């Protein structure tokens, strides 16, 4: 097996491009349903059912339910990840999830042209959102594990692809509107885009094992895992490591054959080939989850709080902000000022952390700034959100809303990326994986909490 210095080159940076596409593909379900909330709300606001009879208008709170049913599967499958990793192969988890996501996107596209009662359409759409994000959660967790086998820069490329997923969805919505086609035709074209994107993502994943650079790291990881598993099987669990070293076997020496020797002496012959690896493992014993949490709890709090604030108002509140100008701009206002601005600024915030990391991880200023972000909740609720019942409108101007959205989104992307990168630095290298898993869980918890808070906050406006 070749060493790291002899690793093949990533010709044409194809593996990097593939992981960028895979990163973009993981967030297609969430971003496309979120950006299409205008289409779903317009369809549910139509006071006619499939029979053509007029019915009373019903408030479905689509944006709130969509946010909640998108994030709960992420939290659930984060908890189930360990079971899935042990029982389901990587190819089945990734390729299988992409196939099911593709089927559900095709179903959503078909429903655009199918007349249906609002209640039934709402129920089917919510079920689709739940299942498509469940498969998306499995896909995201599996790809994070896969990209972790490659050099660190590929993780940054993968996350950059995720950051641009929302921008891709927003641009697709703008193109659908700009086409000036009939509403259902424009919506059909919009939902065909993620179908194509998912197919490209699936093909990219299937091409990955055919590239020598990817095979080098993936096969190397499989081989190392096999060796470690084999050493644990051959080494008796009740044999203390210290006794092996004291008997002089840890240096790789072979004991003299003794036909009359004891059973333990015969066992030494089977152990000595793996004892060096076992010695290393003994020295690198991982800390418990609780011990790791005590070291990273500040960063865990930060990522949870950031996403709780972000998801409590975006998109449930921000999507209902209306422009003060009439005309064609009304059609473009929400896709541009809400979704495109948020996704571009969020991606910018994530990118900036590769150049600037301030405040430092030991500083108390960072969690203070994270908590201060809660100011964006009332600021956005006091924008021109329609319909409203309790609060007045303080920021009716479009420019003020865009400025607030820019600060809101760039601080979200910057704070999340900083929290996720700081956490592994606060623990020993042997505990970095545990820290990453804990941070992923708290990230999902923040998303779910934010989705839950979006209900009362939207009602308060």
Protein backbone atom coordinates (compact mmCIF):
# COMPACT_ATOMS: atom_id res chain seq x y z
CA UNK A 1 0.00 0.00 0.00
CA UNK A 2 1.31 3.44 -0.91
CA UNK A 3 2.12 5.95 1.81
CA UNK A 4 0.58 9.39 2.12
CA UNK A 5 3.57 10.89 0.31
CA UNK A 6 2.92 8.52 -2.63
CA UNK A 7 -0.79 9.36 -2.86
CA UNK A 8 -2.01 9.92 -6.44
CA UNK A 9 -2.94 13.42 -7.57
CA UNK A 10 -6.51 14.60 -7.90
CA UNK A 11 -6.35 15.09 -11.66
CA UNK A 12 -8.37 18.06 -12.80
CA UNK A 13 -9.57 18.38 -9.20
CA UNK A 14 -12.38 15.97 -10.18
CA UNK A 15 -12.80 14.60 -6.65
CA UNK A 16 -13.09 18.16 -5.32
CA UNK A 17 -15.73 18.98 -7.94
CA UNK A 18 -17.66 15.80 -7.10
CA UNK A 19 -17.72 16.64 -3.38
CA UNK A 20 -18.84 20.18 -4.19
CA UNK A 21 -21.77 18.70 -6.16
CA UNK A 22 -22.48 16.21 -3.35
CA UNK A 23 -22.53 19.07 -0.83
CA UNK A 24 -24.93 21.04 -3.01
CA UNK A 25 -27.12 17.95 -3.47
CA UNK A 26 -27.51 17.27 0.26
CA UNK A 27 -29.44 20.50 0.87
CA UNK A 28 -31.54 20.52 -2.31
CA UNK A 29 -34.66 19.09 -0.53
CA UNK A 30 -34.71 21.71 2.24
CA UNK A 31 -33.82 24.65 0.00
CA UNK A 32 -36.22 23.89 -2.84
CA UNK A 33 -39.23 23.36 -0.61
CA UNK A 34 -38.35 26.44 1.45
CA UNK A 35 -37.86 28.69 -1.58
CA UNK A 36 -41.10 27.40 -3.15
CA UNK A 37 -43.15 28.41 -0.10
CA UNK A 38 -44.71 31.19 -2.20
CA UNK A 39 -46.08 28.60 -4.66
CA UNK A 40 -47.43 26.37 -1.87
CA UNK A 41 -49.02 29.28 0.00
CA UNK A 42 -50.67 30.60 -3.16
CA UNK A 43 -52.11 27.18 -3.95
CA UNK A 44 -53.39 26.66 -0.40
CA UNK A 45 -54.90 30.16 -0.35
CA UNK A 46 -57.05 29.34 -3.37
CA UNK A 47 -60.66 29.17 -2.05
CA UNK A 48 -61.69 26.45 -4.51
CA UNK A 49 -61.47 22.70 -4.16
CA UNK A 50 -61.09 20.14 -6.92
CA UNK A 51 -64.85 20.13 -7.59
CA UNK A 52 -64.89 23.87 -8.32
CA UNK A 53 -67.04 24.76 -5.31
CA UNK A 54 -66.07 27.76 -3.20
CA UNK A 55 -64.87 27.01 0.31
CA UNK A 56 -63.90 29.25 3.22
CA UNK A 57 -60.27 30.31 3.34
CA UNK A 58 -58.25 28.28 5.85
CA UNK A 59 -54.93 29.22 7.47
CA UNK A 60 -52.47 26.33 7.12
CA UNK A 61 -49.30 27.99 8.53
CA UNK A 62 -47.41 26.21 5.76
CA UNK A 63 -44.05 27.88 6.43
CA UNK A 64 -44.09 26.89 10.11
CA UNK A 65 -45.07 23.26 9.47
CA UNK A 66 -42.59 22.99 6.61
CA UNK A 67 -39.75 24.22 8.84
CA UNK A 68 -40.69 21.89 11.70
CA UNK A 69 -41.18 18.79 9.55
CA UNK A 70 -37.92 19.49 7.74
CA UNK A 71 -35.80 19.73 10.89
CA UNK A 72 -37.30 17.00 13.10
CA UNK A 73 -36.07 14.22 10.75
CA UNK A 74 -32.58 15.72 10.92
CA UNK A 75 -32.62 15.48 14.73
CA UNK A 76 -34.14 11.98 14.69
CA UNK A 77 -31.71 10.51 12.17
CA UNK A 78 -28.76 12.16 13.88
CA UNK A 79 -29.69 10.11 16.94
CA UNK A 80 -30.16 6.95 14.82
CA UNK A 81 -26.96 7.46 12.85
CA UNK A 82 -24.90 4.96 14.84
CA UNK A 83 -27.44 2.19 14.20
CA UNK A 84 -27.66 2.97 10.48
CA UNK A 85 -23.88 3.03 10.12
CA UNK A 86 -23.58 -0.46 11.58
CA UNK A 87 -26.48 -2.10 9.78
CA UNK A 88 -26.67 -0.41 6.37
CA UNK A 89 -23.82 -0.17 3.86
CA UNK A 90 -22.48 3.20 2.78
CA UNK A 91 -23.54 2.71 -0.86
CA UNK A 92 -27.09 1.81 0.18
CA UNK A 93 -27.33 4.83 2.50
CA UNK A 94 -26.06 7.35 -0.05
CA UNK A 95 -27.28 6.00 -3.40
CA UNK A 96 -30.53 4.70 -1.88
CA UNK A 97 -31.29 8.06 -0.25
CA UNK A 98 -30.66 9.90 -3.53
CA UNK A 99 -32.99 7.54 -5.42
CA UNK A 100 -35.82 8.06 -2.91
CA UNK A 101 -35.25 11.84 -2.91
CA UNK A 102 -35.48 11.79 -6.72
CA UNK A 103 -38.77 9.83 -6.59
CA UNK A 104 -40.26 12.29 -4.09
CA UNK A 105 -39.19 15.30 -6.16
CA UNK A 106 -40.82 13.71 -9.23
CA UNK A 107 -44.00 13.18 -7.19
CA UNK A 108 -43.95 16.85 -6.14
CA UNK A 109 -43.53 17.94 -9.76
CA UNK A 110 -46.46 15.74 -10.86
CA UNK A 111 -48.72 17.15 -8.14
CA UNK A 112 -48.27 20.62 -9.63
CA UNK A 113 -50.59 19.61 -12.48
CA UNK A 114 -52.99 17.47 -10.40
CA UNK A 115 -56.14 19.26 -9.10
CA UNK A 116 -56.70 18.42 -5.46
CA UNK A 117 -58.54 19.61 -2.37
CA UNK A 118 -56.43 21.89 -0.21
CA UNK A 119 -56.50 19.64 2.87
CA UNK A 120 -55.37 16.61 0.89
CA UNK A 121 -52.70 18.58 -0.95
CA UNK A 122 -51.40 19.99 2.35
CA UNK A 123 -51.25 16.51 3.94
CA UNK A 124 -49.45 14.93 0.97
CA UNK A 125 -46.98 17.82 0.80
CA UNK A 126 -46.20 17.60 4.53
CA UNK A 127 -45.67 13.83 4.26
CA UNK A 128 -43.37 14.41 1.29
CA UNK A 129 -41.39 17.02 3.23
CA UNK A 130 -40.99 14.63 6.19
CA UNK A 131 -39.76 11.69 4.11
CA UNK A 132 -37.60 13.67 1.71
CA UNK A 133 -35.80 15.33 4.62
CA UNK A 134 -35.46 11.99 6.43
CA UNK A 135 -33.56 10.60 3.44
CA UNK A 136 -31.71 13.92 3.21
CA UNK A 137 -30.57 13.56 6.83
CA UNK A 138 -29.22 10.05 6.16
CA UNK A 139 -27.50 11.33 3.00
CA UNK A 140 -25.90 14.30 4.77
CA UNK A 141 -24.62 12.27 7.72
CA UNK A 142 -23.19 9.58 5.44
CA UNK A 143 -21.43 12.08 3.17
CA UNK A 144 -19.91 13.89 6.17
CA UNK A 145 -18.42 10.56 7.18
CA UNK A 146 -17.18 9.90 3.63
CA UNK A 147 -15.54 13.28 3.10
CA UNK A 148 -13.87 12.91 6.51
CA UNK A 149 -11.69 10.15 5.02
CA UNK A 150 -10.09 12.59 2.57
CA UNK A 151 -7.71 15.52 3.26
CA UNK A 152 -9.20 18.42 5.24
CA UNK A 153 -9.60 20.78 2.28
CA UNK A 154 -12.25 18.48 0.77
CA UNK A 155 -14.47 19.01 3.82
CA UNK A 156 -14.30 22.76 3.15
CA UNK A 157 -15.25 22.17 -0.50
CA UNK A 158 -18.16 19.97 0.59
CA UNK A 159 -19.48 22.61 3.01
CA UNK A 160 -19.04 25.30 0.35
CA UNK A 161 -21.32 23.26 -1.91
CA UNK A 162 -23.86 23.08 0.89
CA UNK A 163 -23.67 26.84 1.33
CA UNK A 164 -24.51 27.42 -2.33
CA UNK A 165 -27.43 24.96 -2.31
CA UNK A 166 -29.84 27.67 -1.22
CA UNK A 167 -28.53 30.08 -3.85
CA UNK A 168 -29.13 27.43 -6.52
CA UNK A 169 -32.76 27.07 -5.39
CA UNK A 170 -33.30 30.85 -5.27
CA UNK A 171 -31.88 31.31 -8.78
CA UNK A 172 -34.12 28.48 -10.05
CA UNK A 173 -37.15 30.26 -8.58
CA UNK A 174 -36.14 33.58 -10.19
CA UNK A 175 -35.75 31.89 -13.58
CA UNK A 176 -39.18 30.28 -13.21
CA UNK A 177 -40.73 33.68 -12.46
CA UNK A 178 -38.78 35.43 -15.24
CA UNK A 179 -40.07 32.90 -17.78
CA UNK A 180 -43.50 34.55 -17.39
CA UNK A 181 -45.11 31.18 -17.95
CA UNK A 182 -48.46 30.21 -16.43
CA UNK A 183 -48.15 29.61 -12.66
CA UNK A 184 -48.40 25.82 -12.81
CA UNK A 185 -46.04 25.57 -15.78
CA UNK A 186 -43.47 27.77 -13.97
CA UNK A 187 -43.81 25.66 -10.81
CA UNK A 188 -43.37 22.47 -12.85
CA UNK A 189 -40.19 23.84 -14.39
CA UNK A 190 -38.97 24.86 -10.94
CA UNK A 191 -39.39 21.35 -9.49
CA UNK A 192 -37.78 19.72 -12.52
CA UNK A 193 -34.53 21.52 -11.55
CA UNK A 194 -33.96 19.53 -8.30
CA UNK A 195 -34.81 16.31 -10.18
CA UNK A 196 -31.97 17.05 -12.60
CA UNK A 197 -29.74 18.15 -9.71
CA UNK A 198 -30.39 14.92 -7.80
CA UNK A 199 -29.61 12.80 -10.89
CA UNK A 200 -26.31 14.68 -11.35
CA UNK A 201 -25.52 14.16 -7.64
CA UNK A 202 -26.21 10.41 -7.93
CA UNK A 203 -24.04 10.06 -11.04
CA UNK A 204 -21.24 12.02 -9.33
CA UNK A 205 -21.31 9.68 -6.33
CA UNK A 206 -21.23 6.58 -8.57
CA UNK A 207 -18.21 8.01 -10.42
CA UNK A 208 -16.26 8.57 -7.19
CA UNK A 209 -14.89 4.99 -6.76
CA UNK A 210 -13.61 5.06 -10.35
CA UNK A 211 -11.14 7.86 -9.56
CA UNK A 212 -7.71 6.71 -8.35
CA UNK A 213 -7.34 9.56 -5.84
CA UNK A 214 -10.64 8.72 -4.13
CA UNK A 215 -9.91 4.97 -4.16
CA UNK A 216 -6.57 5.56 -2.46
CA UNK A 217 -8.14 7.16 0.61
CA UNK A 218 -11.33 5.07 0.74
CA UNK A 219 -9.51 1.73 0.31
CA UNK A 220 -6.85 2.79 2.81
CA UNK A 221 -9.51 3.52 5.41
CA UNK A 222 -11.20 0.16 4.79
CA UNK A 223 -7.89 -1.66 5.17
CA UNK A 224 -7.03 0.12 8.42
CA UNK A 225 -10.47 -0.59 9.84
CA UNK A 226 -10.07 -4.27 8.97
CA UNK A 227 -6.65 -4.47 10.64
CA UNK A 228 -7.90 -2.84 13.85
CA UNK A 229 -10.97 -5.10 13.97
CA UNK A 230 -8.81 -8.18 13.37
CA UNK A 231 -6.37 -7.21 16.12
CA UNK A 232 -9.22 -6.86 18.61
CA UNK A 233 -10.52 -10.30 17.65
CA UNK A 234 -7.14 -12.05 17.98
CA UNK A 235 -6.04 -10.34 21.20
CA UNK A 236 -7.76 -11.83 24.27
CA UNK A 237 -9.76 -9.15 26.06
CA UNK A 238 -8.61 -10.32 29.49
CA UNK A 239 -4.89 -9.88 28.75
CA UNK A 240 -3.58 -6.64 30.30
CA UNK A 241 -1.44 -4.54 27.97
CA UNK A 242 1.06 -3.88 30.76
CA UNK A 243 1.81 -7.59 31.24
CA UNK A 244 2.62 -7.96 27.53
CA UNK A 245 5.08 -5.08 27.67
CA UNK A 246 6.73 -6.38 30.87
CA UNK A 247 7.30 -9.77 29.25
CA UNK A 248 9.26 -8.05 26.52
CA UNK A 249 6.87 -8.84 23.68
CA UNK A 250 5.87 -5.28 22.91
CA UNK A 251 9.09 -4.76 20.95
CA UNK A 252 8.07 -7.39 18.40
CA UNK A 253 10.34 -10.20 19.70
CA UNK A 254 9.15 -13.77 19.21
CA UNK A 255 9.16 -16.02 22.28
CA UNK A 256 11.05 -19.31 22.17
CA UNK A 257 9.00 -22.28 21.15
CA UNK A 258 8.29 -24.54 24.10
CA UNK A 259 6.21 -27.64 23.40
CA UNK A 260 5.65 -28.01 27.11
CA UNK A 261 4.77 -24.34 27.59
CA UNK A 262 1.59 -23.05 29.12
CA UNK A 263 -1.47 -21.99 27.16
CA UNK A 264 -0.64 -18.33 27.75
CA UNK A 265 2.82 -18.82 26.17
CA UNK A 266 1.22 -20.36 23.09
CA UNK A 267 -1.19 -17.42 22.94
CA UNK A 268 1.76 -15.00 22.86
CA UNK A 269 2.68 -16.23 19.38
CA UNK A 270 -0.77 -15.24 18.12
CA UNK A 271 -0.63 -11.86 19.87
CA UNK A 272 2.83 -10.59 19.09
CA UNK A 273 2.08 -9.64 15.45
CA UNK A 274 -0.58 -7.15 16.56
CA UNK A 275 0.81 -5.94 19.87
CA UNK A 276 2.36 -2.72 18.51
CA UNK A 277 -0.98 -1.63 17.12
CA UNK A 278 -2.68 -2.50 20.39
CA UNK A 279 -0.08 -0.51 22.33
CA UNK A 280 -0.89 2.55 20.24
CA UNK A 281 -4.62 2.02 20.77
CA UNK A 282 -4.12 1.77 24.54
CA UNK A 283 -2.31 5.08 24.59
CA UNK A 284 -5.03 6.70 22.46
CA UNK A 285 -8.04 5.69 24.54
CA UNK A 286 -10.86 8.08 23.76
CA UNK A 287 -12.48 10.20 26.45
CA UNK A 288 -16.10 9.63 27.40
CA UNK A 289 -18.85 11.65 25.74
CA UNK A 290 -19.44 13.53 29.00
CA UNK A 291 -15.76 14.45 29.31
CA UNK A 292 -15.71 15.75 25.73
CA UNK A 293 -18.95 17.68 26.28
CA UNK A 294 -17.47 19.45 29.34
CA UNK A 295 -14.74 20.83 27.06
CA UNK A 296 -16.95 21.94 24.16
CA UNK A 297 -20.20 22.89 25.90
CA UNK A 298 -19.74 26.59 25.11
CA UNK A 299 -19.48 25.87 21.37
CA UNK A 300 -22.39 23.43 21.62
CA UNK A 301 -24.48 26.18 23.20
CA UNK A 302 -23.39 28.67 20.53
CA UNK A 303 -24.36 26.50 17.53
CA UNK A 304 -27.67 25.58 19.17
CA UNK A 305 -28.54 29.19 19.98
CA UNK A 306 -27.53 30.49 16.55
CA UNK A 307 -29.79 28.04 14.71
CA UNK A 308 -32.62 28.50 17.21
CA UNK A 309 -32.63 32.25 16.48
CA UNK A 310 -32.22 31.77 12.72
CA UNK A 311 -34.94 29.15 12.18
CA UNK A 312 -37.41 30.88 14.53
CA UNK A 313 -37.90 33.70 12.00
CA UNK A 314 -36.46 32.36 8.73
CA UNK A 315 -38.39 31.55 6.65
CA UNK A 316 -41.61 31.45 8.75
CA UNK A 317 -41.64 35.22 9.38
CA UNK A 318 -39.32 36.67 6.72
CA UNK A 319 -41.14 35.06 3.79
CA UNK A 320 -44.28 37.05 4.67
CA UNK A 321 -42.52 40.43 4.50
CA UNK A 322 -44.07 42.43 1.64
CA UNK A 323 -42.62 45.20 -0.51
CA UNK A 324 -44.07 48.72 -0.33
CA UNK A 325 -43.81 49.02 -4.12
CA UNK A 326 -46.45 47.66 -6.47
CA UNK A 327 -45.94 46.11 -9.88
CA UNK A 328 -43.72 43.31 -11.16
CA UNK A 329 -41.24 43.82 -8.28
CA UNK A 330 -43.78 42.17 -5.96
CA UNK A 331 -43.16 38.84 -7.69
CA UNK A 332 -39.38 39.10 -7.26
CA UNK A 333 -39.25 40.68 -3.81
CA UNK A 334 -39.40 37.53 -1.66
CA UNK A 335 -37.14 35.31 -3.85
CA UNK A 336 -34.52 38.10 -4.05
CA UNK A 337 -34.68 39.94 -0.71
CA UNK A 338 -35.52 36.96 1.49
CA UNK A 339 -34.01 33.81 -0.02
CA UNK A 340 -31.24 34.98 -2.36
CA UNK A 341 -29.91 37.58 0.09
CA UNK A 342 -30.00 35.12 3.00
CA UNK A 343 -28.22 32.30 1.15
CA UNK A 344 -25.54 34.49 -0.42
CA UNK A 345 -24.76 36.23 2.88
CA UNK A 346 -24.85 32.97 4.84
CA UNK A 347 -22.35 31.47 2.39
CA UNK A 348 -20.21 34.63 2.65
CA UNK A 349 -20.18 34.34 6.44
CA UNK A 350 -19.05 30.72 6.24
CA UNK A 351 -16.32 31.61 3.73
CA UNK A 352 -14.95 34.50 5.80
CA UNK A 353 -14.01 32.09 8.62
CA UNK A 354 -11.27 30.64 6.39
CA UNK A 355 -9.63 34.10 6.42
CA UNK A 356 -10.60 35.53 9.83
CA UNK A 357 -11.41 33.70 13.06
CA UNK A 358 -12.44 36.28 15.65
CA UNK A 359 -13.14 36.27 18.57
CA UNK A 360 -10.71 33.49 19.57
CA UNK A 361 -12.12 30.24 20.91
CA UNK A 362 -11.12 31.00 24.52
CA UNK A 363 -12.79 34.43 24.51
CA UNK A 364 -16.02 35.05 26.42
CA UNK A 365 -16.92 37.65 23.80
CA UNK A 366 -17.91 35.02 21.24
CA UNK A 367 -20.83 33.50 23.23
CA UNK A 368 -21.87 37.04 24.22
CA UNK A 369 -22.10 38.06 20.56
CA UNK A 370 -24.03 34.87 19.80
CA UNK A 371 -26.61 35.70 22.48
CA UNK A 372 -26.79 39.31 21.23
CA UNK A 373 -28.01 37.92 17.86
CA UNK A 374 -31.45 37.48 19.44
CA UNK A 375 -32.02 41.18 18.61
CA UNK A 376 -32.73 40.11 15.01
CA UNK A 377 -35.95 38.35 16.10
CA UNK A 378 -37.88 41.54 17.06
CA UNK A 379 -36.21 43.52 14.25
CA UNK A 380 -37.52 41.14 11.59
CA UNK A 381 -40.93 40.81 13.26
CA UNK A 382 -41.26 44.62 13.08
CA UNK A 383 -40.66 44.65 9.32
CA UNK A 384 -43.60 44.79 6.89
CA UNK A 385 -44.87 41.25 7.62
CA UNK A 386 -48.38 40.67 6.27
CA UNK A 387 -50.85 39.61 7.58
CA UNK A 388 -50.22 40.88 11.13
CA UNK A 389 -52.41 41.13 14.22
CA UNK A 390 -50.56 42.55 17.23
CA UNK A 391 -47.28 44.30 16.47
CA UNK A 392 -46.88 47.57 14.54
CA UNK A 393 -44.69 47.98 11.45
CA UNK A 394 -41.50 49.92 12.27
CA UNK A 395 -39.39 49.04 9.19
CA UNK A 396 -41.61 49.22 6.14
CA UNK A 397 -38.86 50.26 3.71
CA UNK A 398 -37.46 47.50 1.48
CA UNK A 399 -33.87 48.68 1.91
CA UNK A 400 -34.07 48.47 5.71
CA UNK A 401 -35.38 44.90 5.47
CA UNK A 402 -32.52 43.91 3.14
CA UNK A 403 -29.91 45.46 5.48
CA UNK A 404 -31.35 43.59 8.48
CA UNK A 405 -31.46 40.35 6.45
CA UNK A 406 -27.83 40.76 5.36
CA UNK A 407 -26.58 41.24 8.94
CA UNK A 408 -28.86 38.44 10.16
CA UNK A 409 -27.63 35.90 7.59
CA UNK A 410 -23.92 36.74 7.51
CA UNK A 411 -23.75 36.53 11.33
CA UNK A 412 -25.55 33.17 11.18
CA UNK A 413 -23.12 31.64 8.67
CA UNK A 414 -20.05 33.10 10.39
CA UNK A 415 -21.10 32.03 13.89
CA UNK A 416 -22.08 28.49 12.89
CA UNK A 417 -18.90 27.84 10.94
CA UNK A 418 -16.75 29.31 13.74
CA UNK A 419 -18.49 27.16 16.39
CA UNK A 420 -18.14 23.98 14.33
CA UNK A 421 -14.44 24.62 13.62
CA UNK A 422 -13.57 25.66 17.21
CA UNK A 423 -15.10 22.60 18.93
CA UNK A 424 -12.58 19.97 17.68
CA UNK A 425 -9.73 22.36 18.58
CA UNK A 426 -10.79 22.33 22.24
CA UNK A 427 -10.19 18.58 22.64
CA UNK A 428 -7.32 16.20 22.02
CA UNK A 429 -7.00 14.86 18.44
CA UNK A 430 -8.25 11.45 19.58
CA UNK A 431 -11.54 13.06 20.72
CA UNK A 432 -12.10 15.24 17.63
CA UNK A 433 -14.52 12.72 16.09
CA UNK A 434 -16.62 12.60 19.27
CA UNK A 435 -16.65 16.41 19.42
CA UNK A 436 -17.83 16.56 15.79
CA UNK A 437 -20.64 14.08 16.45
CA UNK A 438 -21.78 16.04 19.51
CA UNK A 439 -21.74 19.33 17.59
CA UNK A 440 -23.81 17.77 14.80
CA UNK A 441 -26.40 16.69 17.37
CA UNK A 442 -26.58 20.17 18.93
CA UNK A 443 -26.76 21.74 15.47
CA UNK A 444 -29.80 19.56 14.72
CA UNK A 445 -31.27 20.43 18.12
CA UNK A 446 -30.97 24.14 17.34
CA UNK A 447 -32.73 23.67 14.01
CA UNK A 448 -35.61 21.80 15.67
CA UNK A 449 -35.95 24.33 18.50
CA UNK A 450 -35.99 27.20 16.02
CA UNK A 451 -38.69 25.46 13.98
CA UNK A 452 -40.79 25.00 17.13
CA UNK A 453 -40.41 28.65 18.19
CA UNK A 454 -41.48 29.83 14.73
CA UNK A 455 -45.14 29.00 15.53
CA UNK A 456 -45.66 31.38 18.49
CA UNK A 457 -43.45 34.09 16.96
CA UNK A 458 -45.47 34.16 13.73
CA UNK A 459 -48.71 34.36 15.75
CA UNK A 460 -47.32 37.31 17.74
CA UNK A 461 -46.76 39.48 14.66
